[in-house]
Amino acid sequence: MTRSAGRIASLPQGVEGVTGSMLEPESLPAVFAGAGELFLITPLARDETAQGIDAVDAAIAAGIRRIVYLSVHQADKALSIPHFVSKLPV
C-alpha cells in the first residue's frame, strides 16, 4: 500500500500495489478487498494505536484470514516506553 499512485509503477514485476492511507481509514476497505493475509506495520506516530486498530477492523471486515502485526519484543514488559505501550491495544 502506498499513498502515492505513482510509486506503484516502480514496484518489482509480480508485486501488486494499491493506493490507500492508514491516515484515511475510509480507504482501507478497498485496499484490503480480495486479500487473504495482511502484514501490518504501523508508523511511529501519536495516533499509531488508532491507525493499527482501524487497519485490523478493516481487514477483518474485508475477510482477511490472517494478520501478522509487527510490534516490539516484550511490549507488555516495557510499560514505561510509550511507543511500546501504544502497540498493545492493536
N, C-alpha and C. Protein backbone atom coordinates (compact mmCIF):
# COMPACT_ATOMS: atom_id res chain seq x y z
N MET A 1 0.84 -1.17 0.00
CA MET A 1 0.00 0.00 0.00
C MET A 1 0.89 1.23 0.00
N THR A 2 0.49 2.18 -0.79
CA THR A 2 1.19 3.45 -0.85
C THR A 2 0.17 4.58 -0.97
N ARG A 3 0.54 5.73 -0.45
CA ARG A 3 -0.34 6.91 -0.60
C ARG A 3 -0.16 7.53 -1.97
N SER A 4 0.90 7.17 -2.67
CA SER A 4 1.22 7.76 -3.96
C SER A 4 1.06 6.74 -5.08
N ALA A 5 0.06 6.93 -5.92
CA ALA A 5 -0.18 6.00 -7.02
C ALA A 5 1.03 5.89 -7.95
N GLY A 6 1.82 6.95 -8.05
CA GLY A 6 2.99 6.93 -8.90
C GLY A 6 4.05 5.92 -8.47
N ARG A 7 4.07 5.57 -7.21
CA ARG A 7 5.05 4.61 -6.72
C ARG A 7 4.74 3.18 -7.14
N ILE A 8 3.49 2.90 -7.43
CA ILE A 8 3.10 1.54 -7.80
C ILE A 8 3.83 1.09 -9.06
N ALA A 9 4.03 1.99 -9.99
CA ALA A 9 4.71 1.65 -11.25
C ALA A 9 6.15 1.19 -11.03
N SER A 10 6.76 1.60 -9.92
CA SER A 10 8.15 1.24 -9.68
C SER A 10 8.32 -0.06 -8.89
N LEU A 11 7.23 -0.73 -8.58
CA LEU A 11 7.33 -1.99 -7.85
C LEU A 11 7.90 -3.08 -8.74
N PRO A 12 8.58 -4.05 -8.16
CA PRO A 12 9.13 -5.14 -8.97
C PRO A 12 8.01 -5.92 -9.67
N GLN A 13 8.37 -6.54 -10.77
CA GLN A 13 7.41 -7.34 -11.52
C GLN A 13 6.84 -8.43 -10.61
N GLY A 14 5.54 -8.61 -10.66
CA GLY A 14 4.88 -9.62 -9.84
C GLY A 14 4.37 -9.10 -8.51
N VAL A 15 4.72 -7.88 -8.17
CA VAL A 15 4.25 -7.27 -6.93
C VAL A 15 3.07 -6.37 -7.25
N GLU A 16 1.97 -6.60 -6.57
CA GLU A 16 0.77 -5.80 -6.80
C GLU A 16 0.68 -4.72 -5.74
N GLY A 17 0.52 -3.48 -6.16
CA GLY A 17 0.40 -2.36 -5.23
C GLY A 17 -1.00 -1.80 -5.25
N VAL A 18 -1.37 -1.17 -4.16
CA VAL A 18 -2.66 -0.49 -4.05
C VAL A 18 -2.45 0.87 -3.43
N THR A 19 -3.34 1.78 -3.74
CA THR A 19 -3.27 3.13 -3.18
C THR A 19 -4.23 3.25 -2.01
N GLY A 20 -3.74 3.75 -0.92
CA GLY A 20 -4.54 3.96 0.28
C GLY A 20 -3.70 4.60 1.34
N SER A 21 -4.30 4.87 2.49
CA SER A 21 -3.56 5.50 3.58
C SER A 21 -4.16 5.12 4.91
N MET A 22 -3.32 4.77 5.85
CA MET A 22 -3.79 4.49 7.19
C MET A 22 -4.27 5.76 7.88
N LEU A 23 -3.92 6.92 7.32
CA LEU A 23 -4.43 8.19 7.83
C LEU A 23 -5.84 8.45 7.34
N GLU A 24 -6.29 7.65 6.37
CA GLU A 24 -7.64 7.76 5.82
C GLU A 24 -8.30 6.38 5.92
N PRO A 25 -8.83 6.05 7.10
CA PRO A 25 -9.38 4.71 7.31
C PRO A 25 -10.45 4.32 6.30
N GLU A 26 -11.14 5.32 5.73
CA GLU A 26 -12.18 5.01 4.74
C GLU A 26 -11.58 4.42 3.46
N SER A 27 -10.26 4.57 3.26
CA SER A 27 -9.61 3.99 2.07
C SER A 27 -9.26 2.51 2.27
N LEU A 28 -9.28 2.04 3.49
CA LEU A 28 -8.77 0.70 3.78
C LEU A 28 -9.64 -0.45 3.26
N PRO A 29 -10.98 -0.36 3.29
CA PRO A 29 -11.74 -1.49 2.74
C PRO A 29 -11.37 -1.82 1.30
N ALA A 30 -11.19 -0.82 0.47
CA ALA A 30 -10.80 -1.07 -0.92
C ALA A 30 -9.38 -1.64 -1.00
N VAL A 31 -8.51 -1.20 -0.12
CA VAL A 31 -7.13 -1.70 -0.10
C VAL A 31 -7.11 -3.18 0.23
N PHE A 32 -7.93 -3.60 1.18
CA PHE A 32 -7.90 -4.99 1.65
C PHE A 32 -8.81 -5.93 0.85
N ALA A 33 -9.64 -5.40 -0.02
CA ALA A 33 -10.57 -6.23 -0.78
C ALA A 33 -9.82 -7.29 -1.59
N GLY A 34 -10.21 -8.52 -1.42
CA GLY A 34 -9.60 -9.61 -2.16
C GLY A 34 -8.34 -10.18 -1.55
N ALA A 35 -7.82 -9.57 -0.51
CA ALA A 35 -6.60 -10.08 0.13
C ALA A 35 -6.97 -11.16 1.14
N GLY A 36 -6.08 -12.11 1.31
CA GLY A 36 -6.31 -13.17 2.28
C GLY A 36 -5.47 -13.02 3.53
N GLU A 37 -4.36 -12.28 3.40
CA GLU A 37 -3.44 -12.12 4.51
C GLU A 37 -2.94 -10.68 4.55
N LEU A 38 -2.55 -10.24 5.75
CA LEU A 38 -2.05 -8.87 5.94
C LEU A 38 -0.83 -8.89 6.84
N PHE A 39 0.23 -8.25 6.40
CA PHE A 39 1.40 -7.99 7.24
C PHE A 39 1.32 -6.51 7.59
N LEU A 40 1.05 -6.21 8.85
CA LEU A 40 0.75 -4.85 9.28
C LEU A 40 1.91 -4.24 10.05
N ILE A 41 2.35 -3.09 9.58
CA ILE A 41 3.35 -2.28 10.28
C ILE A 41 2.73 -0.91 10.48
N THR A 42 2.71 -0.45 11.71
CA THR A 42 2.17 0.88 11.97
C THR A 42 3.33 1.86 12.12
N PRO A 43 3.10 3.12 11.76
CA PRO A 43 4.16 4.11 11.88
C PRO A 43 4.34 4.54 13.33
N LEU A 44 5.51 5.02 13.63
CA LEU A 44 5.75 5.60 14.94
C LEU A 44 5.14 7.00 14.92
N ALA A 45 3.94 7.11 15.46
CA ALA A 45 3.20 8.36 15.42
C ALA A 45 2.29 8.42 16.64
N ARG A 46 1.83 9.60 16.96
CA ARG A 46 0.93 9.76 18.12
C ARG A 46 -0.34 8.93 17.98
N ASP A 47 -0.79 8.74 16.76
CA ASP A 47 -2.04 8.01 16.55
C ASP A 47 -1.81 6.59 16.01
N GLU A 48 -0.64 6.01 16.29
CA GLU A 48 -0.36 4.69 15.74
C GLU A 48 -1.32 3.63 16.27
N THR A 49 -1.79 3.77 17.50
CA THR A 49 -2.76 2.80 18.03
C THR A 49 -4.04 2.86 17.21
N ALA A 50 -4.56 4.06 17.00
CA ALA A 50 -5.80 4.20 16.22
C ALA A 50 -5.61 3.69 14.79
N GLN A 51 -4.46 3.99 14.19
CA GLN A 51 -4.21 3.51 12.84
C GLN A 51 -4.18 1.98 12.79
N GLY A 52 -3.55 1.38 13.77
CA GLY A 52 -3.48 -0.08 13.82
C GLY A 52 -4.85 -0.71 14.02
N ILE A 53 -5.62 -0.16 14.94
CA ILE A 53 -6.96 -0.70 15.20
C ILE A 53 -7.85 -0.53 13.97
N ASP A 54 -7.79 0.65 13.34
CA ASP A 54 -8.57 0.87 12.12
C ASP A 54 -8.19 -0.14 11.03
N ALA A 55 -6.90 -0.41 10.89
CA ALA A 55 -6.44 -1.35 9.87
C ALA A 55 -6.93 -2.77 10.18
N VAL A 56 -6.83 -3.18 11.43
CA VAL A 56 -7.29 -4.52 11.81
C VAL A 56 -8.80 -4.64 11.59
N ASP A 57 -9.55 -3.63 12.02
CA ASP A 57 -11.01 -3.66 11.83
C ASP A 57 -11.37 -3.77 10.35
N ALA A 58 -10.71 -2.97 9.52
CA ALA A 58 -11.00 -3.01 8.08
C ALA A 58 -10.58 -4.35 7.47
N ALA A 59 -9.48 -4.90 7.93
CA ALA A 59 -9.02 -6.19 7.41
C ALA A 59 -10.00 -7.30 7.75
N ILE A 60 -10.47 -7.31 8.98
CA ILE A 60 -11.44 -8.33 9.39
C ILE A 60 -12.73 -8.18 8.59
N ALA A 61 -13.18 -6.94 8.44
CA ALA A 61 -14.41 -6.69 7.67
C ALA A 61 -14.25 -7.13 6.21
N ALA A 62 -13.03 -7.04 5.68
CA ALA A 62 -12.77 -7.44 4.30
C ALA A 62 -12.60 -8.95 4.15
N GLY A 63 -12.58 -9.66 5.27
CA GLY A 63 -12.46 -11.11 5.21
C GLY A 63 -11.04 -11.63 5.23
N ILE A 64 -10.10 -10.80 5.61
CA ILE A 64 -8.71 -11.26 5.70
C ILE A 64 -8.63 -12.33 6.79
N ARG A 65 -8.02 -13.45 6.45
CA ARG A 65 -7.98 -14.60 7.35
C ARG A 65 -6.80 -14.60 8.30
N ARG A 66 -5.72 -13.94 7.93
CA ARG A 66 -4.52 -13.96 8.78
C ARG A 66 -3.91 -12.56 8.81
N ILE A 67 -3.63 -12.08 10.01
CA ILE A 67 -2.99 -10.78 10.19
C ILE A 67 -1.72 -11.01 11.01
N VAL A 68 -0.60 -10.57 10.47
CA VAL A 68 0.67 -10.58 11.20
C VAL A 68 0.99 -9.13 11.50
N TYR A 69 1.14 -8.82 12.78
CA TYR A 69 1.37 -7.44 13.21
C TYR A 69 2.79 -7.31 13.73
N LEU A 70 3.57 -6.44 13.12
CA LEU A 70 4.93 -6.19 13.58
C LEU A 70 4.88 -5.22 14.74
N SER A 71 5.18 -5.72 15.90
CA SER A 71 5.14 -4.92 17.12
C SER A 71 6.57 -4.76 17.63
N VAL A 72 6.76 -4.91 18.91
CA VAL A 72 8.09 -4.88 19.51
C VAL A 72 8.20 -6.04 20.49
N HIS A 73 9.40 -6.50 20.71
CA HIS A 73 9.65 -7.62 21.61
C HIS A 73 9.28 -7.24 23.05
N GLN A 74 8.44 -8.03 23.66
CA GLN A 74 8.03 -7.88 25.05
C GLN A 74 7.45 -6.49 25.36
N ALA A 75 6.59 -6.03 24.50
CA ALA A 75 5.96 -4.72 24.71
C ALA A 75 5.22 -4.67 26.04
N ASP A 76 4.66 -5.80 26.44
CA ASP A 76 3.90 -5.84 27.69
C ASP A 76 4.78 -5.74 28.94
N LYS A 77 6.08 -5.85 28.78
CA LYS A 77 7.01 -5.77 29.91
C LYS A 77 7.73 -4.42 29.97
N ALA A 78 7.47 -3.55 29.01
CA ALA A 78 8.15 -2.25 28.94
C ALA A 78 7.10 -1.14 28.97
N LEU A 79 6.31 -1.12 30.03
CA LEU A 79 5.18 -0.22 30.10
C LEU A 79 5.57 1.25 30.28
N SER A 80 6.83 1.51 30.49
CA SER A 80 7.27 2.91 30.63
C SER A 80 7.73 3.50 29.29
N ILE A 81 7.71 2.71 28.24
CA ILE A 81 8.14 3.18 26.93
C ILE A 81 6.89 3.42 26.08
N PRO A 82 6.53 4.69 25.85
CA PRO A 82 5.25 4.99 25.18
C PRO A 82 5.05 4.31 23.84
N HIS A 83 6.06 4.25 22.98
CA HIS A 83 5.84 3.64 21.67
C HIS A 83 5.78 2.12 21.74
N PHE A 84 6.11 1.52 22.87
CA PHE A 84 5.87 0.10 23.08
C PHE A 84 4.43 -0.10 23.53
N VAL A 85 4.02 0.66 24.53
CA VAL A 85 2.68 0.55 25.11
C VAL A 85 1.60 0.82 24.05
N SER A 86 1.88 1.70 23.13
CA SER A 86 0.89 2.07 22.11
C SER A 86 0.55 0.90 21.20
N LYS A 87 1.38 -0.14 21.18
CA LYS A 87 1.14 -1.28 20.30
C LYS A 87 0.24 -2.33 20.95
N LEU A 88 0.11 -2.31 22.26
CA LEU A 88 -0.63 -3.35 22.97
C LEU A 88 -2.10 -3.44 22.56
N PRO A 89 -2.84 -2.34 22.44
CA PRO A 89 -4.26 -2.47 22.08
C PRO A 89 -4.51 -3.06 20.69
N VAL A 90 -3.54 -2.93 19.80
CA VAL A 90 -3.72 -3.43 18.44
C VAL A 90 -3.68 -4.93 18.47
